[in-house]
Amino acid sequence: LYAGFILPGLALWLMIAYPRRPRLWLTLAVGGLIIAAAFAPIALAIWRFSAESTPGEPLHGFWLRGWSLLQAFTLWRASLPNTLSIIIPALIFLFTLLSFLPIRSQSPITNYQLPITNYQSPNLLISNLLLTPYLIATLLLTRNHLAFFGERYFIIMVPWLLMLAAVGVDKVNGWLLGGKAKAEAKEWIYYVVPVLLIGLTAIPLPGQWSVEASKEAWRQSVDYLAQQATPADAILIHPDWVRYPFQFYFKGPGQTYAAFSNVSADTELDGPLQGVIGDHPVVW
């Protein structure tokens, strides 16, 4: 799935950076065919399923969806003041934009070269890899309004976002340090802005271990029920497809039920719920 997101970005980069390199294009084509063959069954199933869903509006809320993903990548579930919830993602996004400044690096570690810097237009490559999943999901909104359901499906964007932010930090340092003589005199300045970026990303970390930040916390749920439930209680698992991980950890007490998948206004609730309630004094 993630490889399918990456390939279109690579193709666009090759068109711009290496329009006359047949070997690179052949490598991309072979890789694309292999991934397409492996991904085809899932893609066809998703396409058929999406035809039964309500279409969304791709352009409506375009920027708001991007901001929501940026907050998810930089804050996740950390409970922070509203001011920090805006400042942290905004500054990281600012560093990302600054990565495109036409400023040469003044880093004291310029002798260390990453493989990606040997290619033409590395910023364009990283930007394509960052934006492609978002644009593909936006197009999928024409088929299914749930194309953006679940931030975890866009986690492939995070490494590219952080790379651009790091390049932006380097560009800011290049602007602050100026010429070579100035850079040698004030080399310590080079470490100030990176510490700022690291600090911004570290502030939300403690909140990720809070109960509120837990997602699919099967062990925590099981431990809670082990302390609170009784053998006579019923435990309703919803939606039903999460019963597998829950029941893997669940050792009792109580009887588990999975009565519903997706619930809509037309779903019959009374019959299945009566089957769950039965003679149980408590339903969790």
C-alpha atoms as a PDB file:
ATOM      1  CA  LEU A   1       0.000   0.000   0.000  1.00  0.00           C
ATOM      2  CA  TYR A   2       2.731   2.472   0.966  1.00  0.00           C
ATOM      3  CA  ALA A   3       4.806   1.543  -2.084  1.00  0.00           C
ATOM      4  CA  GLY A   4       1.779   2.327  -4.220  1.00  0.00           C
ATOM      5  CA  PHE A   5       1.718   5.800  -2.694  1.00  0.00           C
ATOM      6  CA  ILE A   6       5.420   6.345  -3.391  1.00  0.00           C
ATOM      7  CA  LEU A   7       5.592   5.328  -7.051  1.00  0.00           C
ATOM      8  CA  PRO A   8       3.600   8.264  -8.528  1.00  0.00           C
ATOM      9  CA  GLY A   9       5.837  10.725  -6.685  1.00  0.00           C
ATOM     10  CA  LEU A  10       8.938   8.993  -8.015  1.00  0.00           C
ATOM     11  CA  ALA A  11       7.561   9.062 -11.551  1.00  0.00           C
ATOM     12  CA  LEU A  12       6.869  12.794 -11.405  1.00  0.00           C
ATOM     13  CA  TRP A  13      10.360  13.443 -10.053  1.00  0.00           C
ATOM     14  CA  LEU A  14      11.955  11.366 -12.834  1.00  0.00           C
ATOM     15  CA  MET A  15       9.990  13.285 -15.469  1.00  0.00           C
ATOM     16  CA  ILE A  16      11.438  16.562 -14.210  1.00  0.00           C
ATOM     17  CA  ALA A  17      14.909  15.612 -12.973  1.00  0.00           C
ATOM     18  CA  TYR A  18      15.883  12.815 -15.397  1.00  0.00           C
ATOM     19  CA  PRO A  19      13.728  13.012 -18.533  1.00  0.00           C
ATOM     20  CA  ARG A  20      16.332  11.156 -20.661  1.00  0.00           C
ATOM     21  CA  ARG A  21      17.561   8.353 -18.384  1.00  0.00           C
ATOM     22  CA  PRO A  22      16.040   5.129 -19.767  1.00  0.00           C
ATOM     23  CA  ARG A  23      17.702   2.907 -17.160  1.00  0.00           C
ATOM     24  CA  LEU A  24      16.017   4.783 -14.324  1.00  0.00           C
ATOM     25  CA  TRP A  25      12.699   4.666 -16.134  1.00  0.00           C
ATOM     26  CA  LEU A  26      13.093   0.927 -16.726  1.00  0.00           C
ATOM     27  CA  THR A  27      13.789   0.369 -13.020  1.00  0.00           C
ATOM     28  CA  LEU A  28      10.696   2.357 -12.100  1.00  0.00           C
ATOM     29  CA  ALA A  29       8.559   0.484 -14.632  1.00  0.00           C
ATOM     30  CA  VAL A  30       9.673  -2.956 -13.415  1.00  0.00           C
ATOM     31  CA  GLY A  31       9.165  -1.956  -9.790  1.00  0.00           C
ATOM     32  CA  GLY A  32       5.767  -0.526 -10.640  1.00  0.00           C
ATOM     33  CA  LEU A  33       4.651  -3.718 -12.381  1.00  0.00           C
ATOM     34  CA  ILE A  34       5.738  -5.887  -9.438  1.00  0.00           C
ATOM     35  CA  ILE A  35       3.976  -3.667  -6.922  1.00  0.00           C
ATOM     36  CA  ALA A  36       0.885  -3.365  -9.114  1.00  0.00           C
ATOM     37  CA  ALA A  37       0.640  -7.156  -9.423  1.00  0.00           C
ATOM     38  CA  ALA A  38       0.982  -7.622  -5.668  1.00  0.00           C
ATOM     39  CA  PHE A  39      -1.400  -4.794  -4.830  1.00  0.00           C
ATOM     40  CA  ALA A  40      -4.016  -5.484  -7.525  1.00  0.00           C
ATOM     41  CA  PRO A  41      -6.322  -7.774  -5.473  1.00  0.00           C
ATOM     42  CA  ILE A  42      -6.495  -5.282  -2.611  1.00  0.00           C
ATOM     43  CA  ALA A  43      -6.887  -2.307  -4.962  1.00  0.00           C
ATOM     44  CA  LEU A  44      -9.741  -3.957  -6.874  1.00  0.00           C
ATOM     45  CA  ALA A  45     -11.516  -4.903  -3.648  1.00  0.00           C
ATOM     46  CA  ILE A  46     -11.171  -1.352  -2.332  1.00  0.00           C
ATOM     47  CA  TRP A  47     -12.432   0.061  -5.634  1.00  0.00           C
ATOM     48  CA  ARG A  48     -15.495  -2.219  -5.630  1.00  0.00           C
ATOM     49  CA  PHE A  49     -16.213  -1.449  -1.987  1.00  0.00           C
ATOM     50  CA  SER A  50     -15.850   2.291  -2.557  1.00  0.00           C
ATOM     51  CA  ALA A  51     -18.506   2.139  -5.278  1.00  0.00           C
ATOM     52  CA  GLU A  52     -21.038   1.255  -2.564  1.00  0.00           C
ATOM     53  CA  SER A  53     -20.077   4.268  -0.453  1.00  0.00           C
ATOM     54  CA  THR A  54     -21.127   7.889  -0.495  1.00  0.00           C
ATOM     55  CA  PRO A  55     -18.731  10.117  -2.490  1.00  0.00           C
ATOM     56  CA  GLY A  56     -17.053  13.004  -0.727  1.00  0.00           C
ATOM     57  CA  GLU A  57     -16.109  16.495  -1.851  1.00  0.00           C
ATOM     58  CA  PRO A  58     -12.398  16.540  -2.755  1.00  0.00           C
ATOM     59  CA  LEU A  59     -11.969  20.324  -2.751  1.00  0.00           C
ATOM     60  CA  HIS A  60     -14.153  21.055   0.262  1.00  0.00           C
ATOM     61  CA  GLY A  61     -11.953  21.263   3.363  1.00  0.00           C
ATOM     62  CA  PHE A  62      -8.773  20.585   1.364  1.00  0.00           C
ATOM     63  CA  TRP A  63      -6.540  22.787   3.531  1.00  0.00           C
ATOM     64  CA  LEU A  64      -8.308  21.860   6.763  1.00  0.00           C
ATOM     65  CA  ARG A  65      -7.618  18.163   6.153  1.00  0.00           C
ATOM     66  CA  GLY A  66      -3.957  18.978   5.597  1.00  0.00           C
ATOM     67  CA  TRP A  67      -3.807  20.954   8.839  1.00  0.00           C
ATOM     68  CA  SER A  68      -5.487  18.090  10.721  1.00  0.00           C
ATOM     69  CA  LEU A  69      -2.905  15.628   9.425  1.00  0.00           C
ATOM     70  CA  LEU A  70      -0.080  18.011  10.327  1.00  0.00           C
ATOM     71  CA  GLN A  71      -1.417  18.242  13.879  1.00  0.00           C
ATOM     72  CA  ALA A  72      -1.705  14.458  14.039  1.00  0.00           C
ATOM     73  CA  PHE A  73       1.910  14.047  12.882  1.00  0.00           C
ATOM     74  CA  THR A  74       3.317  16.618  15.304  1.00  0.00           C
ATOM     75  CA  LEU A  75       1.017  16.380  18.339  1.00  0.00           C
ATOM     76  CA  TRP A  76      -1.077  13.214  18.046  1.00  0.00           C
ATOM     77  CA  ARG A  77      -3.093  12.877  21.273  1.00  0.00           C
ATOM     78  CA  ALA A  78      -0.964  15.068  23.528  1.00  0.00           C
ATOM     79  CA  SER A  79      -3.130  17.283  25.699  1.00  0.00           C
ATOM     80  CA  LEU A  80      -1.501  20.683  25.215  1.00  0.00           C
ATOM     81  CA  PRO A  81      -2.722  24.278  25.553  1.00  0.00           C
ATOM     82  CA  ASN A  82      -4.396  25.623  22.422  1.00  0.00           C
ATOM     83  CA  THR A  83      -1.499  28.012  21.839  1.00  0.00           C
ATOM     84  CA  LEU A  84       1.063  25.199  21.683  1.00  0.00           C
ATOM     85  CA  SER A  85      -1.293  23.093  19.569  1.00  0.00           C
ATOM     86  CA  ILE A  86      -1.045  25.815  16.931  1.00  0.00           C
ATOM     87  CA  ILE A  87       2.565  26.963  17.392  1.00  0.00           C
ATOM     88  CA  ILE A  88       4.234  23.529  17.209  1.00  0.00           C
ATOM     89  CA  PRO A  89       2.755  22.315  13.883  1.00  0.00           C
ATOM     90  CA  ALA A  90       2.928  25.836  12.419  1.00  0.00           C
ATOM     91  CA  LEU A  91       6.665  26.176  13.131  1.00  0.00           C
ATOM     92  CA  ILE A  92       7.432  22.701  11.801  1.00  0.00           C
ATOM     93  CA  PHE A  93       5.483  23.558   8.650  1.00  0.00           C
ATOM     94  CA  LEU A  94       7.419  26.840   8.419  1.00  0.00           C
ATOM     95  CA  PHE A  95      10.730  24.962   8.564  1.00  0.00           C
ATOM     96  CA  THR A  96       9.389  22.707   5.799  1.00  0.00           C
ATOM     97  CA  LEU A  97       8.674  25.716   3.578  1.00  0.00           C
ATOM     98  CA  LEU A  98      12.074  27.243   4.358  1.00  0.00           C
ATOM     99  CA  SER A  99      13.750  24.130   2.935  1.00  0.00           C
ATOM    100  CA  PHE A 100      13.191  25.661  -0.520  1.00  0.00           C
ATOM    101  CA  LEU A 101      15.191  28.819   0.190  1.00  0.00           C
ATOM    102  CA  PRO A 102      18.083  29.261  -2.292  1.00  0.00           C
ATOM    103  CA  ILE A 103      20.707  29.292   0.469  1.00  0.00           C
ATOM    104  CA  ARG A 104      23.805  27.092   0.631  1.00  0.00           C
ATOM    105  CA  SER A 105      24.475  25.046   3.734  1.00  0.00           C
ATOM    106  CA  GLN A 106      26.937  26.423   6.289  1.00  0.00           C
ATOM    107  CA  SER A 107      26.947  23.235   8.326  1.00  0.00           C
ATOM    108  CA  PRO A 108      30.220  22.275  10.057  1.00  0.00           C
ATOM    109  CA  ILE A 109      29.433  18.686   9.026  1.00  0.00           C
ATOM    110  CA  THR A 110      29.113  19.299   5.278  1.00  0.00           C
ATOM    111  CA  ASN A 111      31.565  16.469   4.549  1.00  0.00           C
ATOM    112  CA  TYR A 112      28.880  13.987   5.539  1.00  0.00           C
ATOM    113  CA  GLN A 113      26.856  13.366   2.402  1.00  0.00           C
ATOM    114  CA  LEU A 114      23.543  11.519   2.296  1.00  0.00           C
ATOM    115  CA  PRO A 115      22.907   9.357  -0.803  1.00  0.00           C
ATOM    116  CA  ILE A 116      19.855  11.429  -1.719  1.00  0.00           C
ATOM    117  CA  THR A 117      21.985  14.559  -2.120  1.00  0.00           C
ATOM    118  CA  ASN A 118      23.749  12.908  -5.073  1.00  0.00           C
ATOM    119  CA  TYR A 119      20.552  13.120  -7.129  1.00  0.00           C
ATOM    120  CA  GLN A 120      19.181  16.111  -8.950  1.00  0.00           C
ATOM    121  CA  SER A 121      16.441  18.102  -7.212  1.00  0.00           C
ATOM    122  CA  PRO A 122      16.430  16.183  -3.897  1.00  0.00           C
ATOM    123  CA  ASN A 123      13.925  18.639  -2.402  1.00  0.00           C
ATOM    124  CA  LEU A 124      11.548  17.991  -5.278  1.00  0.00           C
ATOM    125  CA  LEU A 125      11.859  14.237  -4.727  1.00  0.00           C
ATOM    126  CA  ILE A 126      11.106  14.498  -1.010  1.00  0.00           C
ATOM    127  CA  SER A 127       8.233  16.926  -1.634  1.00  0.00           C
ATOM    128  CA  ASN A 128       6.655  14.544  -4.141  1.00  0.00           C
ATOM    129  CA  LEU A 129       6.921  11.655  -1.698  1.00  0.00           C
ATOM    130  CA  LEU A 130       5.358  13.835   1.002  1.00  0.00           C
ATOM    131  CA  LEU A 131       2.416  15.124  -1.028  1.00  0.00           C
ATOM    132  CA  THR A 132       1.530  12.107  -3.173  1.00  0.00           C
ATOM    133  CA  PRO A 133      -0.426  10.160  -0.490  1.00  0.00           C
ATOM    134  CA  TYR A 134      -2.443  13.269   0.351  1.00  0.00           C
ATOM    135  CA  LEU A 135      -3.284  13.981  -3.284  1.00  0.00           C
ATOM    136  CA  ILE A 136      -4.210  10.349  -3.983  1.00  0.00           C
ATOM    137  CA  ALA A 137      -6.547  10.293  -0.984  1.00  0.00           C
ATOM    138  CA  THR A 138      -8.088  13.564  -2.161  1.00  0.00           C
ATOM    139  CA  LEU A 139      -8.842  11.978  -5.532  1.00  0.00           C
ATOM    140  CA  LEU A 140     -10.316   8.924  -3.788  1.00  0.00           C
ATOM    141  CA  LEU A 141     -12.818  11.231  -2.092  1.00  0.00           C
ATOM    142  CA  THR A 142     -14.646  11.276  -5.411  1.00  0.00           C
ATOM    143  CA  ARG A 143     -15.474   7.617  -4.704  1.00  0.00           C
ATOM    144  CA  ASN A 144     -15.639   7.374  -0.924  1.00  0.00           C
ATOM    145  CA  HIS A 145     -16.120  10.047   1.740  1.00  0.00           C
ATOM    146  CA  LEU A 146     -14.035   7.923   4.152  1.00  0.00           C
ATOM    147  CA  ALA A 147     -10.788   8.280   2.172  1.00  0.00           C
ATOM    148  CA  PHE A 148      -9.243  10.256   5.049  1.00  0.00           C
ATOM    149  CA  PHE A 149     -10.570   7.981   7.790  1.00  0.00           C
ATOM    150  CA  GLY A 150      -7.654   7.179  10.093  1.00  0.00           C
ATOM    151  CA  GLU A 151      -4.455   9.212  10.307  1.00  0.00           C
ATOM    152  CA  ARG A 152      -2.362   6.046  10.567  1.00  0.00           C
ATOM    153  CA  TYR A 153      -2.874   5.377   6.859  1.00  0.00           C
ATOM    154  CA  PHE A 154      -0.855   8.524   6.101  1.00  0.00           C
ATOM    155  CA  ILE A 155       2.083   7.747   8.378  1.00  0.00           C
ATOM    156  CA  ILE A 156       4.250   7.275   5.267  1.00  0.00           C
ATOM    157  CA  MET A 157       4.227  11.083   4.943  1.00  0.00           C
ATOM    158  CA  VAL A 158       5.982  11.659   8.279  1.00  0.00           C
ATOM    159  CA  PRO A 159       9.609  10.815   7.313  1.00  0.00           C
ATOM    160  CA  TRP A 160       9.478  13.135   4.304  1.00  0.00           C
ATOM    161  CA  LEU A 161       7.967  15.934   6.403  1.00  0.00           C
ATOM    162  CA  LEU A 162      10.778  15.616   8.943  1.00  0.00           C
ATOM    163  CA  MET A 163      13.424  15.543   6.206  1.00  0.00           C
ATOM    164  CA  LEU A 164      12.165  18.800   4.719  1.00  0.00           C
ATOM    165  CA  ALA A 165      11.933  20.367   8.179  1.00  0.00           C
ATOM    166  CA  ALA A 166      15.560  19.375   8.833  1.00  0.00           C
ATOM    167  CA  VAL A 167      16.630  20.906   5.511  1.00  0.00           C
ATOM    168  CA  GLY A 168      14.713  24.042   6.471  1.00  0.00           C
ATOM    169  CA  VAL A 169      16.677  24.224   9.721  1.00  0.00           C
ATOM    170  CA  ASP A 170      19.892  23.959   7.729  1.00  0.00           C
ATOM    171  CA  LYS A 171      18.759  26.759   5.390  1.00  0.00           C
ATOM    172  CA  VAL A 172      17.919  29.001   8.349  1.00  0.00           C
ATOM    173  CA  ASN A 173      21.402  28.375   9.721  1.00  0.00           C
ATOM    174  CA  GLY A 174      22.904  29.240   6.357  1.00  0.00           C
ATOM    175  CA  TRP A 175      21.054  32.543   6.430  1.00  0.00           C
ATOM    176  CA  LEU A 176      22.056  33.284  10.045  1.00  0.00           C
ATOM    177  CA  LEU A 177      25.712  32.393   9.605  1.00  0.00           C
ATOM    178  CA  GLY A 178      26.247  34.078   6.241  1.00  0.00           C
ATOM    179  CA  GLY A 179      29.775  33.846   4.846  1.00  0.00           C
ATOM    180  CA  LYS A 180      32.450  31.297   5.702  1.00  0.00           C
ATOM    181  CA  ALA A 181      34.388  33.594   8.039  1.00  0.00           C
ATOM    182  CA  LYS A 182      31.232  34.444   9.927  1.00  0.00           C
ATOM    183  CA  ALA A 183      30.304  30.784  10.098  1.00  0.00           C
ATOM    184  CA  GLU A 184      33.666  29.850  11.624  1.00  0.00           C
ATOM    185  CA  ALA A 185      33.362  32.622  14.198  1.00  0.00           C
ATOM    186  CA  LYS A 186      29.853  31.651  15.270  1.00  0.00           C
ATOM    187  CA  GLU A 187      29.757  27.904  14.710  1.00  0.00           C
ATOM    188  CA  TRP A 188      27.805  27.418  17.952  1.00  0.00           C
ATOM    189  CA  ILE A 189      24.823  29.184  16.351  1.00  0.00           C
ATOM    190  CA  TYR A 190      24.448  26.216  14.027  1.00  0.00           C
ATOM    191  CA  TYR A 191      23.188  24.077  16.898  1.00  0.00           C
ATOM    192  CA  VAL A 192      20.604  26.539  18.238  1.00  0.00           C
ATOM    193  CA  VAL A 193      17.942  26.106  15.547  1.00  0.00           C
ATOM    194  CA  PRO A 194      18.197  22.278  15.478  1.00  0.00           C
ATOM    195  CA  VAL A 195      17.714  22.245  19.239  1.00  0.00           C
ATOM    196  CA  LEU A 196      14.600  24.369  18.695  1.00  0.00           C
ATOM    197  CA  LEU A 197      13.192  21.828  16.220  1.00  0.00           C
ATOM    198  CA  ILE A 198      14.028  18.901  18.501  1.00  0.00           C
ATOM    199  CA  GLY A 199      12.424  20.737  21.413  1.00  0.00           C
ATOM    200  CA  LEU A 200       9.234  21.350  19.427  1.00  0.00           C
ATOM    201  CA  THR A 201       8.939  17.658  18.589  1.00  0.00           C
ATOM    202  CA  ALA A 202       9.749  16.600  22.166  1.00  0.00           C
ATOM    203  CA  ILE A 203       7.094  18.710  23.912  1.00  0.00           C
ATOM    204  CA  PRO A 204       4.152  16.443  22.910  1.00  0.00           C
ATOM    205  CA  LEU A 205       5.988  13.186  23.713  1.00  0.00           C
ATOM    206  CA  PRO A 206       4.977  12.790  27.393  1.00  0.00           C
ATOM    207  CA  GLY A 207       1.323  13.063  26.425  1.00  0.00           C
ATOM    208  CA  GLN A 208       1.595  10.043  24.132  1.00  0.00           C
ATOM    209  CA  TRP A 209       1.737   7.723  27.146  1.00  0.00           C
ATOM    210  CA  SER A 210      -1.478   9.033  28.685  1.00  0.00           C
ATOM    211  CA  VAL A 211      -4.695   7.006  28.740  1.00  0.00           C
ATOM    212  CA  GLU A 212      -6.369   9.574  26.477  1.00  0.00           C
ATOM    213  CA  ALA A 213      -3.743   8.959  23.795  1.00  0.00           C
ATOM    214  CA  SER A 214      -4.232   5.206  23.766  1.00  0.00           C
ATOM    215  CA  LYS A 215      -5.556   3.749  20.544  1.00  0.00           C
ATOM    216  CA  GLU A 216      -6.465   0.104  20.232  1.00  0.00           C
ATOM    217  CA  ALA A 217      -5.070  -0.379  23.736  1.00  0.00           C
ATOM    218  CA  TRP A 218      -6.080  -4.001  24.112  1.00  0.00           C
ATOM    219  CA  ARG A 219      -3.933  -4.783  27.141  1.00  0.00           C
ATOM    220  CA  GLN A 220      -5.188  -1.742  29.034  1.00  0.00           C
ATOM    221  CA  SER A 221      -8.811  -2.598  28.238  1.00  0.00           C
ATOM    222  CA  VAL A 222      -8.334  -6.209  29.293  1.00  0.00           C
ATOM    223  CA  ASP A 223      -6.574  -5.214  32.522  1.00  0.00           C
ATOM    224  CA  TYR A 224      -9.392  -2.814  33.391  1.00  0.00           C
ATOM    225  CA  LEU A 225     -12.083  -5.444  32.811  1.00  0.00           C
ATOM    226  CA  ALA A 226     -10.104  -8.023  34.776  1.00  0.00           C
ATOM    227  CA  GLN A 227     -10.346  -5.705  37.778  1.00  0.00           C
ATOM    228  CA  GLN A 228     -13.913  -4.464  37.323  1.00  0.00           C
ATOM    229  CA  ALA A 229     -15.964  -7.159  35.560  1.00  0.00           C
ATOM    230  CA  THR A 230     -17.448 -10.328  37.051  1.00  0.00           C
ATOM    231  CA  PRO A 231     -17.965 -13.766  35.470  1.00  0.00           C
ATOM    232  CA  ALA A 232     -21.684 -12.985  35.091  1.00  0.00           C
ATOM    233  CA  ASP A 233     -21.087  -9.816  33.030  1.00  0.00           C
ATOM    234  CA  ALA A 234     -21.346  -9.395  29.252  1.00  0.00           C
ATOM    235  CA  ILE A 235     -18.706  -7.551  27.222  1.00  0.00           C
ATOM    236  CA  LEU A 236     -19.924  -6.113  23.903  1.00  0.00           C
ATOM    237  CA  ILE A 237     -17.080  -5.636  21.416  1.00  0.00           C
ATOM    238  CA  HIS A 238     -17.787  -3.012  18.777  1.00  0.00           C
ATOM    239  CA  PRO A 239     -17.114  -2.965  15.901  1.00  0.00           C
ATOM    240  CA  ASP A 240     -17.036  -6.723  15.542  1.00  0.00           C
ATOM    241  CA  TRP A 241     -13.752  -6.917  13.622  1.00  0.00           C
ATOM    242  CA  VAL A 242     -11.763  -5.764  16.652  1.00  0.00           C
ATOM    243  CA  ARG A 243     -12.835  -8.857  18.587  1.00  0.00           C
ATOM    244  CA  TYR A 244      -9.791 -10.770  17.363  1.00  0.00           C
ATOM    245  CA  PRO A 245      -7.088  -8.639  19.002  1.00  0.00           C
ATOM    246  CA  PHE A 246      -9.257  -8.074  22.095  1.00  0.00           C
ATOM    247  CA  GLN A 247     -10.020 -11.749  22.609  1.00  0.00           C
ATOM    248  CA  PHE A 248      -6.365 -12.625  22.062  1.00  0.00           C
ATOM    249  CA  TYR A 249      -5.504 -10.814  25.300  1.00  0.00           C
ATOM    250  CA  PHE A 250      -8.781 -11.339  27.154  1.00  0.00           C
ATOM    251  CA  LYS A 251      -8.714 -14.123  29.751  1.00  0.00           C
ATOM    252  CA  GLY A 252     -11.909 -13.193  31.570  1.00  0.00           C
ATOM    253  CA  PRO A 253     -13.927 -12.749  33.612  1.00  0.00           C
ATOM    254  CA  GLY A 254     -17.129 -12.276  31.603  1.00  0.00           C
ATOM    255  CA  GLN A 255     -18.608 -13.392  28.284  1.00  0.00           C
ATOM    256  CA  THR A 256     -17.641 -11.521  25.106  1.00  0.00           C
ATOM    257  CA  TYR A 257     -20.030 -10.698  22.249  1.00  0.00           C
ATOM    258  CA  ALA A 258     -19.540  -9.090  18.828  1.00  0.00           C
ATOM    259  CA  ALA A 259     -22.987  -8.177  17.519  1.00  0.00           C
ATOM    260  CA  PHE A 260     -22.424  -5.328  15.061  1.00  0.00           C
ATOM    261  CA  SER A 261     -20.120  -4.259  12.288  1.00  0.00           C
ATOM    262  CA  ASN A 262     -21.109  -0.867  10.856  1.00  0.00           C
ATOM    263  CA  VAL A 263     -24.128   0.720  12.525  1.00  0.00           C
ATOM    264  CA  SER A 264     -26.348   3.077  10.548  1.00  0.00           C
ATOM    265  CA  ALA A 265     -29.788   4.585  11.042  1.00  0.00           C
ATOM    266  CA  ASP A 266     -31.314   1.495   9.394  1.00  0.00           C
ATOM    267  CA  THR A 267     -29.464  -1.086  11.501  1.00  0.00           C
ATOM    268  CA  GLU A 268     -31.689  -3.321  13.615  1.00  0.00           C
ATOM    269  CA  LEU A 269     -30.400  -2.988  17.173  1.00  0.00           C
ATOM    270  CA  ASP A 270     -33.036  -4.457  19.475  1.00  0.00           C
ATOM    271  CA  GLY A 271     -32.740  -8.098  18.442  1.00  0.00           C
ATOM    272  CA  PRO A 272     -28.941  -8.392  18.626  1.00  0.00           C
ATOM    273  CA  LEU A 273     -28.794  -6.347  21.831  1.00  0.00           C
ATOM    274  CA  GLN A 274     -31.369  -8.566  23.516  1.00  0.00           C
ATOM    275  CA  GLY A 275     -29.188 -11.526  22.636  1.00  0.00           C
ATOM    276  CA  VAL A 276     -26.236  -9.805  24.271  1.00  0.00           C
ATOM    277  CA  ILE A 277     -28.103  -8.693  27.371  1.00  0.00           C
ATOM    278  CA  GLY A 278     -29.706 -12.076  28.124  1.00  0.00           C
ATOM    279  CA  ASP A 279     -29.414 -12.785  31.818  1.00  0.00           C
ATOM    280  CA  HIS A 280     -26.272 -10.708  32.305  1.00  0.00           C
ATOM    281  CA  PRO A 281     -26.585  -8.159  35.121  1.00  0.00           C
ATOM    282  CA  VAL A 282     -24.019  -5.802  33.541  1.00  0.00           C
ATOM    283  CA  VAL A 283     -23.008  -5.149  29.937  1.00  0.00           C
ATOM    284  CA  TRP A 284     -19.615  -3.530  29.354  1.00  0.00           C
END
